[in-house]
Amino acid sequence: MLTYPQFDPVAISLGPLAIRWYGLTYVLAFVLFMVLGRLHLKRRPDMGFSKETLDDLLFYGMLGVVLGGRLGFVLFYKPAYYLSHPLEIFYVWQGGMSFHGGFLGVLVAMLWYGHKTGRTFWQVTDFIAPLVPTGLGAGRLGNFINGELPGRIADPATWPWAMWFPHVDTTRVARHPSSLYQLFAEGIVL
């Protein structure tokens, strides 16, 4: 059985400013979107997108994932808390993002972008679909670094890569590293 390495979530500390690994995985996701997007533009010029529209898609997608992810966390996981502490909705440095909210936010942003540019939702999403999986994988890498999403209990004799997550289980219980599975399946295979 492996032991989860308990990474420091802060990658770089500059006095009061802390740059977290999870934030860097968002940057990685956005950079990969642009790199793959440039290749996609060359491979599929028939879709009618340009470098400028790719920049716009990234902007709208970033808004959707960040605003949707935060609002999703607030509404899906702690609505009562944030109802009594509404200003803390904006305290993004304290963490709290939701995949479900980010997904919904991106869908709304792409619908908005399509409406603004005279494209259908399906034209927009057909173009971005191959650019999204690496971003999902980057997010799951951030989940792993943060020690989030440990999986079900696993037998280390059957699953030699099963991990003990000390911050989750005080006793040495092996669990599937589900965020790494998702990084592989969503980020690489998909």
N, C-alpha and C. Protein backbone atom coordinates (compact mmCIF):
# COMPACT_ATOMS: atom_id res chain seq x y z
N MET A 1 0.84 -1.18 0.00
CA MET A 1 0.00 0.00 0.00
C MET A 1 0.89 1.24 0.00
N LEU A 2 0.52 2.18 -0.85
CA LEU A 2 1.22 3.46 -0.92
C LEU A 2 0.64 4.42 0.12
N THR A 3 1.41 5.42 0.48
CA THR A 3 0.93 6.46 1.38
C THR A 3 0.82 7.75 0.60
N TYR A 4 -0.33 8.40 0.71
CA TYR A 4 -0.51 9.68 0.04
C TYR A 4 0.56 10.66 0.53
N PRO A 5 1.28 11.35 -0.38
CA PRO A 5 2.42 12.17 0.02
C PRO A 5 2.09 13.47 0.76
N GLN A 6 0.84 13.84 0.90
CA GLN A 6 0.44 15.05 1.61
C GLN A 6 1.21 16.28 1.14
N PHE A 7 0.96 16.65 -0.09
CA PHE A 7 1.58 17.82 -0.69
C PHE A 7 1.18 19.09 0.05
N ASP A 8 2.06 20.05 0.04
CA ASP A 8 1.71 21.38 0.52
C ASP A 8 0.85 22.00 -0.58
N PRO A 9 -0.37 22.42 -0.28
CA PRO A 9 -1.22 22.97 -1.34
C PRO A 9 -0.71 24.29 -1.90
N VAL A 10 0.21 24.94 -1.19
CA VAL A 10 0.78 26.20 -1.66
C VAL A 10 2.04 25.89 -2.47
N ALA A 11 2.03 26.28 -3.74
CA ALA A 11 3.19 26.05 -4.61
C ALA A 11 4.26 27.12 -4.38
N ILE A 12 3.82 28.37 -4.28
CA ILE A 12 4.73 29.51 -4.12
C ILE A 12 4.12 30.46 -3.10
N SER A 13 4.92 30.86 -2.14
CA SER A 13 4.45 31.81 -1.14
C SER A 13 5.29 33.08 -1.24
N LEU A 14 4.62 34.18 -1.51
CA LEU A 14 5.29 35.47 -1.63
C LEU A 14 4.71 36.42 -0.58
N GLY A 15 5.14 36.23 0.64
CA GLY A 15 4.58 37.03 1.74
C GLY A 15 3.11 36.68 1.93
N PRO A 16 2.24 37.70 1.85
CA PRO A 16 0.82 37.41 2.04
C PRO A 16 0.16 36.75 0.82
N LEU A 17 0.86 36.75 -0.29
CA LEU A 17 0.33 36.15 -1.52
C LEU A 17 0.75 34.68 -1.60
N ALA A 18 -0.23 33.81 -1.74
CA ALA A 18 0.06 32.38 -1.88
C ALA A 18 -0.51 31.89 -3.21
N ILE A 19 0.34 31.27 -3.99
CA ILE A 19 -0.10 30.67 -5.25
C ILE A 19 -0.23 29.18 -5.01
N ARG A 20 -1.45 28.69 -5.17
CA ARG A 20 -1.74 27.29 -4.86
C ARG A 20 -1.62 26.41 -6.09
N TRP A 21 -1.27 25.17 -5.84
CA TRP A 21 -1.17 24.19 -6.92
C TRP A 21 -2.48 24.09 -7.69
N TYR A 22 -3.59 24.11 -6.95
CA TYR A 22 -4.89 23.97 -7.60
C TYR A 22 -5.13 25.11 -8.59
N GLY A 23 -4.75 26.31 -8.21
CA GLY A 23 -4.86 27.45 -9.12
C GLY A 23 -3.97 27.27 -10.34
N LEU A 24 -2.78 26.72 -10.12
CA LEU A 24 -1.87 26.47 -11.25
C LEU A 24 -2.44 25.41 -12.20
N THR A 25 -3.22 24.46 -11.67
CA THR A 25 -3.83 23.48 -12.57
C THR A 25 -4.90 24.14 -13.44
N TYR A 26 -5.55 25.17 -12.93
CA TYR A 26 -6.49 25.94 -13.77
C TYR A 26 -5.71 26.63 -14.90
N VAL A 27 -4.59 27.24 -14.56
CA VAL A 27 -3.75 27.89 -15.58
C VAL A 27 -3.32 26.85 -16.62
N LEU A 28 -2.88 25.68 -16.14
CA LEU A 28 -2.50 24.60 -17.06
C LEU A 28 -3.65 24.23 -17.98
N ALA A 29 -4.85 24.11 -17.42
CA ALA A 29 -6.03 23.77 -18.23
C ALA A 29 -6.28 24.81 -19.31
N PHE A 30 -6.15 26.08 -18.96
CA PHE A 30 -6.41 27.14 -19.93
C PHE A 30 -5.32 27.18 -21.01
N VAL A 31 -4.08 26.95 -20.62
CA VAL A 31 -2.98 26.90 -21.60
C VAL A 31 -3.18 25.72 -22.56
N LEU A 32 -3.52 24.56 -22.01
CA LEU A 32 -3.76 23.39 -22.86
C LEU A 32 -4.93 23.62 -23.82
N PHE A 33 -5.96 24.31 -23.35
CA PHE A 33 -7.09 24.67 -24.21
C PHE A 33 -6.59 25.47 -25.41
N MET A 34 -5.73 26.45 -25.16
CA MET A 34 -5.23 27.29 -26.25
C MET A 34 -4.31 26.52 -27.20
N VAL A 35 -3.42 25.70 -26.65
CA VAL A 35 -2.50 24.92 -27.49
C VAL A 35 -3.29 23.96 -28.38
N LEU A 36 -4.19 23.20 -27.76
CA LEU A 36 -5.00 22.27 -28.55
C LEU A 36 -5.93 23.01 -29.50
N GLY A 37 -6.42 24.17 -29.05
CA GLY A 37 -7.30 24.97 -29.90
C GLY A 37 -6.61 25.43 -31.16
N ARG A 38 -5.36 25.83 -31.06
CA ARG A 38 -4.60 26.25 -32.26
C ARG A 38 -4.44 25.09 -33.23
N LEU A 39 -4.17 23.91 -32.70
CA LEU A 39 -4.07 22.73 -33.56
C LEU A 39 -5.42 22.39 -34.19
N HIS A 40 -6.47 22.52 -33.41
CA HIS A 40 -7.82 22.23 -33.89
C HIS A 40 -8.23 23.20 -35.00
N LEU A 41 -7.83 24.46 -34.87
CA LEU A 41 -8.12 25.45 -35.92
C LEU A 41 -7.50 25.05 -37.25
N LYS A 42 -6.27 24.55 -37.19
CA LYS A 42 -5.58 24.14 -38.42
C LYS A 42 -6.20 22.89 -39.01
N ARG A 43 -6.61 21.97 -38.14
CA ARG A 43 -7.16 20.70 -38.59
C ARG A 43 -8.60 20.84 -39.10
N ARG A 44 -9.35 21.78 -38.55
CA ARG A 44 -10.76 21.93 -38.90
C ARG A 44 -11.12 23.38 -39.28
N PRO A 45 -10.51 23.92 -40.32
CA PRO A 45 -10.86 25.30 -40.71
C PRO A 45 -12.31 25.42 -41.18
N ASP A 46 -12.90 24.29 -41.58
CA ASP A 46 -14.28 24.29 -42.06
C ASP A 46 -15.30 24.64 -40.97
N MET A 47 -14.87 24.61 -39.72
CA MET A 47 -15.81 24.91 -38.63
C MET A 47 -16.04 26.41 -38.45
N GLY A 48 -15.21 27.24 -39.11
CA GLY A 48 -15.45 28.68 -39.11
C GLY A 48 -14.98 29.43 -37.87
N PHE A 49 -14.00 28.88 -37.17
CA PHE A 49 -13.46 29.56 -35.99
C PHE A 49 -12.07 30.11 -36.34
N SER A 50 -11.65 31.14 -35.62
CA SER A 50 -10.35 31.77 -35.87
C SER A 50 -9.59 31.89 -34.55
N LYS A 51 -8.35 32.40 -34.64
CA LYS A 51 -7.57 32.62 -33.41
C LYS A 51 -8.29 33.59 -32.47
N GLU A 52 -8.92 34.59 -33.05
CA GLU A 52 -9.64 35.57 -32.24
C GLU A 52 -10.84 34.92 -31.54
N THR A 53 -11.57 34.08 -32.27
CA THR A 53 -12.72 33.44 -31.64
C THR A 53 -12.26 32.43 -30.59
N LEU A 54 -11.10 31.82 -30.81
CA LEU A 54 -10.54 30.91 -29.80
C LEU A 54 -10.24 31.68 -28.51
N ASP A 55 -9.66 32.87 -28.65
CA ASP A 55 -9.42 33.72 -27.48
C ASP A 55 -10.73 34.06 -26.76
N ASP A 56 -11.76 34.38 -27.53
CA ASP A 56 -13.06 34.69 -26.94
C ASP A 56 -13.65 33.47 -26.23
N LEU A 57 -13.53 32.30 -26.86
CA LEU A 57 -14.04 31.08 -26.24
C LEU A 57 -13.34 30.80 -24.92
N LEU A 58 -12.03 31.03 -24.87
CA LEU A 58 -11.30 30.84 -23.63
C LEU A 58 -11.82 31.80 -22.56
N PHE A 59 -12.00 33.06 -22.92
CA PHE A 59 -12.50 34.05 -21.96
C PHE A 59 -13.86 33.64 -21.42
N TYR A 60 -14.79 33.31 -22.30
CA TYR A 60 -16.14 32.91 -21.86
C TYR A 60 -16.07 31.61 -21.04
N GLY A 61 -15.24 30.68 -21.47
CA GLY A 61 -15.09 29.43 -20.74
C GLY A 61 -14.52 29.65 -19.35
N MET A 62 -13.52 30.54 -19.24
CA MET A 62 -12.94 30.85 -17.93
C MET A 62 -13.99 31.46 -17.01
N LEU A 63 -14.77 32.39 -17.54
CA LEU A 63 -15.84 32.97 -16.73
C LEU A 63 -16.82 31.89 -16.27
N GLY A 64 -17.20 31.03 -17.20
CA GLY A 64 -18.16 29.98 -16.88
C GLY A 64 -17.64 29.03 -15.83
N VAL A 65 -16.41 28.57 -15.99
CA VAL A 65 -15.88 27.57 -15.05
C VAL A 65 -15.63 28.17 -13.67
N VAL A 66 -15.11 29.39 -13.62
CA VAL A 66 -14.80 29.99 -12.32
C VAL A 66 -16.07 30.45 -11.60
N LEU A 67 -16.91 31.22 -12.29
CA LEU A 67 -18.14 31.69 -11.64
C LEU A 67 -19.09 30.54 -11.35
N GLY A 68 -19.25 29.65 -12.33
CA GLY A 68 -20.13 28.50 -12.13
C GLY A 68 -19.60 27.57 -11.06
N GLY A 69 -18.29 27.34 -11.07
CA GLY A 69 -17.69 26.46 -10.07
C GLY A 69 -17.87 26.98 -8.66
N ARG A 70 -17.68 28.28 -8.50
CA ARG A 70 -17.84 28.87 -7.17
C ARG A 70 -19.32 28.89 -6.74
N LEU A 71 -20.18 29.34 -7.63
CA LEU A 71 -21.61 29.38 -7.29
C LEU A 71 -22.17 27.98 -7.07
N GLY A 72 -21.66 27.02 -7.84
CA GLY A 72 -22.09 25.64 -7.63
C GLY A 72 -21.71 25.14 -6.25
N PHE A 73 -20.50 25.46 -5.82
CA PHE A 73 -20.07 25.06 -4.47
C PHE A 73 -20.97 25.70 -3.42
N VAL A 74 -21.22 26.99 -3.58
CA VAL A 74 -22.05 27.72 -2.62
C VAL A 74 -23.46 27.11 -2.57
N LEU A 75 -24.06 26.86 -3.72
CA LEU A 75 -25.45 26.40 -3.76
C LEU A 75 -25.61 24.91 -3.48
N PHE A 76 -24.66 24.09 -3.95
CA PHE A 76 -24.80 22.64 -3.82
C PHE A 76 -24.29 22.10 -2.48
N TYR A 77 -23.26 22.73 -1.92
CA TYR A 77 -22.61 22.16 -0.75
C TYR A 77 -22.83 22.90 0.56
N LYS A 78 -22.92 24.23 0.52
CA LYS A 78 -23.05 24.98 1.78
C LYS A 78 -24.02 26.15 1.66
N PRO A 79 -25.22 25.93 1.15
CA PRO A 79 -26.12 27.08 0.95
C PRO A 79 -26.50 27.78 2.26
N ALA A 80 -26.75 27.03 3.32
CA ALA A 80 -27.15 27.65 4.58
C ALA A 80 -26.02 28.51 5.15
N TYR A 81 -24.78 28.01 5.07
CA TYR A 81 -23.64 28.76 5.58
C TYR A 81 -23.50 30.08 4.83
N TYR A 82 -23.53 30.02 3.51
CA TYR A 82 -23.32 31.23 2.72
C TYR A 82 -24.52 32.17 2.77
N LEU A 83 -25.68 31.65 3.07
CA LEU A 83 -26.84 32.53 3.26
C LEU A 83 -26.63 33.40 4.49
N SER A 84 -26.01 32.84 5.52
CA SER A 84 -25.74 33.63 6.72
C SER A 84 -24.40 34.35 6.68
N HIS A 85 -23.54 34.05 5.70
CA HIS A 85 -22.25 34.74 5.52
C HIS A 85 -22.09 35.10 4.03
N PRO A 86 -22.94 35.94 3.48
CA PRO A 86 -22.94 36.16 2.03
C PRO A 86 -21.65 36.76 1.46
N LEU A 87 -20.94 37.56 2.21
CA LEU A 87 -19.70 38.14 1.69
C LEU A 87 -18.63 37.07 1.45
N GLU A 88 -18.70 35.97 2.19
CA GLU A 88 -17.71 34.91 2.04
C GLU A 88 -17.86 34.15 0.73
N ILE A 89 -18.93 34.39 0.01
CA ILE A 89 -19.06 33.81 -1.34
C ILE A 89 -17.88 34.25 -2.19
N PHE A 90 -17.40 35.45 -1.95
CA PHE A 90 -16.31 36.01 -2.74
C PHE A 90 -14.92 35.63 -2.24
N TYR A 91 -14.82 34.91 -1.14
CA TYR A 91 -13.54 34.51 -0.56
C TYR A 91 -13.00 33.26 -1.26
N VAL A 92 -12.70 33.38 -2.52
CA VAL A 92 -12.27 32.21 -3.30
C VAL A 92 -10.93 31.66 -2.83
N TRP A 93 -10.14 32.47 -2.16
CA TRP A 93 -8.84 32.00 -1.67
C TRP A 93 -9.00 30.99 -0.54
N GLN A 94 -10.21 30.87 0.00
CA GLN A 94 -10.45 29.87 1.04
C GLN A 94 -10.83 28.53 0.43
N GLY A 95 -10.89 28.45 -0.88
CA GLY A 95 -11.25 27.20 -1.55
C GLY A 95 -12.74 27.09 -1.73
N GLY A 96 -13.13 26.05 -2.44
CA GLY A 96 -14.54 25.79 -2.66
C GLY A 96 -14.97 26.00 -4.08
N MET A 97 -14.78 24.97 -4.90
CA MET A 97 -15.25 24.97 -6.28
C MET A 97 -16.01 23.67 -6.49
N SER A 98 -16.93 23.69 -7.43
CA SER A 98 -17.74 22.51 -7.73
C SER A 98 -17.60 22.18 -9.21
N PHE A 99 -17.29 20.93 -9.51
CA PHE A 99 -17.23 20.50 -10.91
C PHE A 99 -18.59 20.72 -11.57
N HIS A 100 -19.65 20.33 -10.86
CA HIS A 100 -21.00 20.43 -11.43
C HIS A 100 -21.35 21.88 -11.77
N GLY A 101 -21.02 22.78 -10.86
CA GLY A 101 -21.27 24.19 -11.12
C GLY A 101 -20.43 24.73 -12.25
N GLY A 102 -19.15 24.32 -12.29
CA GLY A 102 -18.28 24.74 -13.39
C GLY A 102 -18.79 24.25 -14.73
N PHE A 103 -19.26 23.01 -14.76
CA PHE A 103 -19.80 22.43 -15.99
C PHE A 103 -21.03 23.22 -16.46
N LEU A 104 -21.94 23.48 -15.52
CA LEU A 104 -23.13 24.26 -15.87
C LEU A 104 -22.76 25.68 -16.29
N GLY A 105 -21.78 26.26 -15.60
CA GLY A 105 -21.32 27.60 -15.96
C GLY A 105 -20.75 27.67 -17.36
N VAL A 106 -19.98 26.66 -17.75
CA VAL A 106 -19.43 26.63 -19.10
C VAL A 106 -20.54 26.46 -20.13
N LEU A 107 -21.51 25.62 -19.84
CA LEU A 107 -22.64 25.45 -20.77
C LEU A 107 -23.37 26.77 -20.98
N VAL A 108 -23.62 27.49 -19.90
CA VAL A 108 -24.29 28.79 -20.02
C VAL A 108 -23.41 29.77 -20.79
N ALA A 109 -22.11 29.78 -20.50
CA ALA A 109 -21.19 30.69 -21.19
C ALA A 109 -21.12 30.38 -22.68
N MET A 110 -21.14 29.11 -23.05
CA MET A 110 -21.08 28.76 -24.47
C MET A 110 -22.40 29.10 -25.17
N LEU A 111 -23.50 28.96 -24.46
CA LEU A 111 -24.79 29.37 -25.01
C LEU A 111 -24.80 30.88 -25.24
N TRP A 112 -24.29 31.61 -24.27
CA TRP A 112 -24.20 33.07 -24.37
C TRP A 112 -23.27 33.47 -25.52
N TYR A 113 -22.11 32.82 -25.61
CA TYR A 113 -21.17 33.12 -26.70
C TYR A 113 -21.81 32.83 -28.06
N GLY A 114 -22.47 31.69 -28.18
CA GLY A 114 -23.13 31.34 -29.44
C GLY A 114 -24.18 32.36 -29.82
N HIS A 115 -24.98 32.77 -28.86
CA HIS A 115 -26.02 33.77 -29.13
C HIS A 115 -25.39 35.08 -29.58
N LYS A 116 -24.32 35.48 -28.91
CA LYS A 116 -23.66 36.75 -29.22
C LYS A 116 -23.03 36.75 -30.62
N THR A 117 -22.56 35.58 -31.06
CA THR A 117 -21.85 35.50 -32.34
C THR A 117 -22.68 34.91 -33.48
N GLY A 118 -23.94 34.59 -33.22
CA GLY A 118 -24.79 34.04 -34.27
C GLY A 118 -24.54 32.57 -34.57
N ARG A 119 -23.92 31.88 -33.63
CA ARG A 119 -23.69 30.44 -33.78
C ARG A 119 -24.67 29.69 -32.89
N THR A 120 -24.94 28.46 -33.27
CA THR A 120 -25.79 27.65 -32.39
C THR A 120 -24.93 27.12 -31.25
N PHE A 121 -25.61 26.75 -30.19
CA PHE A 121 -24.94 26.11 -29.06
C PHE A 121 -24.15 24.89 -29.54
N TRP A 122 -24.74 24.12 -30.45
CA TRP A 122 -24.10 22.89 -30.93
C TRP A 122 -22.86 23.18 -31.76
N GLN A 123 -22.86 24.25 -32.55
CA GLN A 123 -21.65 24.61 -33.30
C GLN A 123 -20.50 24.96 -32.35
N VAL A 124 -20.83 25.68 -31.31
CA VAL A 124 -19.80 26.08 -30.33
C VAL A 124 -19.28 24.86 -29.58
N THR A 125 -20.19 24.06 -29.06
CA THR A 125 -19.76 22.91 -28.26
C THR A 125 -19.08 21.83 -29.11
N ASP A 126 -19.47 21.69 -30.37
CA ASP A 126 -18.76 20.76 -31.26
C ASP A 126 -17.31 21.19 -31.43
N PHE A 127 -17.08 22.50 -31.50
CA PHE A 127 -15.71 22.97 -31.66
C PHE A 127 -14.89 22.77 -30.38
N ILE A 128 -15.47 23.06 -29.22
CA ILE A 128 -14.67 23.00 -27.99
C ILE A 128 -14.55 21.60 -27.40
N ALA A 129 -15.42 20.67 -27.80
CA ALA A 129 -15.45 19.34 -27.17
C ALA A 129 -14.08 18.66 -27.12
N PRO A 130 -13.29 18.66 -28.20
CA PRO A 130 -11.98 17.99 -28.09
C PRO A 130 -10.94 18.76 -27.28
N LEU A 131 -11.25 20.00 -26.91
CA LEU A 131 -10.29 20.83 -26.18
C LEU A 131 -10.48 20.75 -24.66
N VAL A 132 -11.57 20.18 -24.22
CA VAL A 132 -11.94 20.19 -22.81
C VAL A 132 -11.29 19.09 -21.96
N PRO A 133 -11.12 17.87 -22.46
CA PRO A 133 -10.64 16.79 -21.58
C PRO A 133 -9.31 17.05 -20.86
N THR A 134 -8.37 17.70 -21.51
CA THR A 134 -7.10 17.95 -20.82
C THR A 134 -7.30 18.88 -19.63
N GLY A 135 -8.26 19.80 -19.74
CA GLY A 135 -8.58 20.68 -18.61
C GLY A 135 -9.21 19.90 -17.47
N LEU A 136 -10.08 18.94 -17.81
CA LEU A 136 -10.65 18.08 -16.78
C LEU A 136 -9.54 17.31 -16.07
N GLY A 137 -8.60 16.79 -16.86
CA GLY A 137 -7.48 16.05 -16.27
C GLY A 137 -6.63 16.93 -15.38
N ALA A 138 -6.39 18.17 -15.80
CA ALA A 138 -5.61 19.10 -14.97
C ALA A 138 -6.33 19.36 -13.65
N GLY A 139 -7.64 19.50 -13.70
CA GLY A 139 -8.41 19.69 -12.47
C GLY A 139 -8.30 18.50 -11.53
N ARG A 140 -8.30 17.30 -12.09
CA ARG A 140 -8.18 16.10 -11.26
C ARG A 140 -6.78 15.98 -10.67
N LEU A 141 -5.78 16.48 -11.39
CA LEU A 141 -4.43 16.53 -10.82
C LEU A 141 -4.44 17.46 -9.60
N GLY A 142 -5.13 18.59 -9.71
CA GLY A 142 -5.27 19.50 -8.57
C GLY A 142 -5.99 18.83 -7.41
N ASN A 143 -7.02 18.03 -7.72
CA ASN A 143 -7.71 17.29 -6.66
C ASN A 143 -6.75 16.34 -5.95
N PHE A 144 -5.90 15.66 -6.71
CA PHE A 144 -4.96 14.73 -6.10
C PHE A 144 -3.96 15.47 -5.22
N ILE A 145 -3.41 16.57 -5.72
CA ILE A 145 -2.44 17.35 -4.93
C ILE A 145 -3.08 17.82 -3.63
N ASN A 146 -4.35 18.19 -3.68
CA ASN A 146 -5.06 18.65 -2.48
C ASN A 146 -5.54 17.50 -1.60
N GLY A 147 -5.35 16.27 -2.04
CA GLY A 147 -5.79 15.12 -1.26
C GLY A 147 -7.30 14.96 -1.25
N GLU A 148 -7.94 15.45 -2.31
CA GLU A 148 -9.39 15.39 -2.40
C GLU A 148 -9.82 14.14 -3.17
N LEU A 149 -11.05 13.78 -2.98
CA LEU A 149 -11.70 12.69 -3.70
C LEU A 149 -11.04 11.33 -3.51
N PRO A 150 -10.62 10.98 -2.28
CA PRO A 150 -10.10 9.62 -2.12
C PRO A 150 -11.25 8.65 -2.39
N GLY A 151 -10.91 7.55 -3.00
CA GLY A 151 -11.94 6.61 -3.42
C GLY A 151 -12.38 5.64 -2.34
N ARG A 152 -13.02 4.60 -2.80
CA ARG A 152 -13.51 3.56 -1.90
C ARG A 152 -12.35 2.78 -1.31
N ILE A 153 -12.64 2.11 -0.24
CA ILE A 153 -11.64 1.25 0.39
C ILE A 153 -11.26 0.15 -0.59
N ALA A 154 -9.97 -0.13 -0.64
CA ALA A 154 -9.44 -1.11 -1.60
C ALA A 154 -8.52 -2.09 -0.89
N ASP A 155 -8.47 -3.29 -1.39
CA ASP A 155 -7.57 -4.32 -0.86
C ASP A 155 -6.20 -4.12 -1.51
N PRO A 156 -5.17 -3.76 -0.73
CA PRO A 156 -3.86 -3.51 -1.33
C PRO A 156 -3.23 -4.75 -1.96
N ALA A 157 -3.68 -5.93 -1.58
CA ALA A 157 -3.15 -7.14 -2.22
C ALA A 157 -3.64 -7.24 -3.65
N THR A 158 -4.86 -6.77 -3.90
CA THR A 158 -5.43 -6.79 -5.25
C THR A 158 -5.08 -5.52 -6.01
N TRP A 159 -5.03 -4.41 -5.31
CA TRP A 159 -4.76 -3.10 -5.91
C TRP A 159 -3.48 -2.54 -5.30
N PRO A 160 -2.30 -2.90 -5.83
CA PRO A 160 -1.04 -2.48 -5.20
C PRO A 160 -0.81 -0.97 -5.18
N TRP A 161 -1.53 -0.22 -5.99
CA TRP A 161 -1.39 1.23 -5.99
C TRP A 161 -2.40 1.91 -5.06
N ALA A 162 -3.16 1.11 -4.32
CA ALA A 162 -4.10 1.69 -3.35
C ALA A 162 -3.31 2.53 -2.35
N MET A 163 -3.92 3.59 -1.87
CA MET A 163 -3.23 4.55 -1.01
C MET A 163 -3.92 4.73 0.32
N TRP A 164 -3.10 4.98 1.31
CA TRP A 164 -3.61 5.42 2.61
C TRP A 164 -3.58 6.94 2.59
N PHE A 165 -4.71 7.56 2.83
CA PHE A 165 -4.82 9.00 2.90
C PHE A 165 -4.91 9.37 4.38
N PRO A 166 -3.76 9.69 5.02
CA PRO A 166 -3.75 9.93 6.48
C PRO A 166 -4.70 11.02 6.94
N HIS A 167 -4.97 11.99 6.11
CA HIS A 167 -5.88 13.08 6.50
C HIS A 167 -7.35 12.65 6.44
N VAL A 168 -7.61 11.47 5.87
CA VAL A 168 -8.98 10.95 5.77
C VAL A 168 -9.20 9.84 6.79
N ASP A 169 -8.25 8.91 6.86
CA ASP A 169 -8.37 7.75 7.75
C ASP A 169 -7.21 7.75 8.74
N THR A 170 -7.52 7.79 10.03
CA THR A 170 -6.45 7.75 11.03
C THR A 170 -5.82 6.37 11.10
N THR A 171 -6.61 5.35 10.82
CA THR A 171 -6.04 4.00 10.74
C THR A 171 -5.60 3.77 9.31
N ARG A 172 -4.65 2.90 9.12
CA ARG A 172 -4.09 2.67 7.78
C ARG A 172 -5.09 1.90 6.91
N VAL A 173 -5.97 2.64 6.26
CA VAL A 173 -6.96 2.06 5.36
C VAL A 173 -6.56 2.42 3.94
N ALA A 174 -6.47 1.42 3.09
CA ALA A 174 -6.12 1.65 1.69
C ALA A 174 -7.37 2.07 0.91
N ARG A 175 -7.19 3.06 0.07
CA ARG A 175 -8.28 3.54 -0.78
C ARG A 175 -7.79 3.67 -2.22
N HIS A 176 -8.74 3.60 -3.13
CA HIS A 176 -8.41 3.86 -4.54
C HIS A 176 -8.08 5.35 -4.70
N PRO A 177 -7.00 5.67 -5.43
CA PRO A 177 -6.71 7.08 -5.72
C PRO A 177 -7.60 7.54 -6.88
N SER A 178 -8.87 7.76 -6.60
CA SER A 178 -9.87 8.00 -7.64
C SER A 178 -9.57 9.23 -8.49
N SER A 179 -8.96 10.25 -7.90
CA SER A 179 -8.65 11.43 -8.71
C SER A 179 -7.61 11.11 -9.77
N LEU A 180 -6.70 10.18 -9.49
CA LEU A 180 -5.74 9.77 -10.52
C LEU A 180 -6.42 8.93 -11.60
N TYR A 181 -7.38 8.11 -11.20
CA TYR A 181 -8.15 7.36 -12.20
C TYR A 181 -8.87 8.32 -13.13
N GLN A 182 -9.48 9.35 -12.53
CA GLN A 182 -10.22 10.32 -13.33
C GLN A 182 -9.28 11.15 -14.20
N LEU A 183 -8.10 11.49 -13.69
CA LEU A 183 -7.12 12.20 -14.50
C LEU A 183 -6.81 11.38 -15.75
N PHE A 184 -6.61 10.08 -15.58
CA PHE A 184 -6.30 9.21 -16.70
C PHE A 184 -7.49 9.09 -17.66
N ALA A 185 -8.67 8.80 -17.10
CA ALA A 185 -9.84 8.54 -17.94
C ALA A 185 -10.38 9.81 -18.60
N GLU A 186 -10.51 10.90 -17.81
CA GLU A 186 -11.08 12.13 -18.34
C GLU A 186 -10.04 12.95 -19.11
N GLY A 187 -8.82 12.97 -18.60
CA GLY A 187 -7.81 13.86 -19.15
C GLY A 187 -7.00 13.27 -20.29
N ILE A 188 -6.80 11.98 -20.27
CA ILE A 188 -5.95 11.36 -21.30
C ILE A 188 -6.79 10.53 -22.27
N VAL A 189 -7.55 9.58 -21.75
CA VAL A 189 -8.33 8.69 -22.62
C VAL A 189 -9.40 9.48 -23.38
N LEU A 190 -10.18 10.28 -22.65
CA LEU A 190 -11.25 11.04 -23.29
C LEU A 190 -10.71 12.03 -24.29
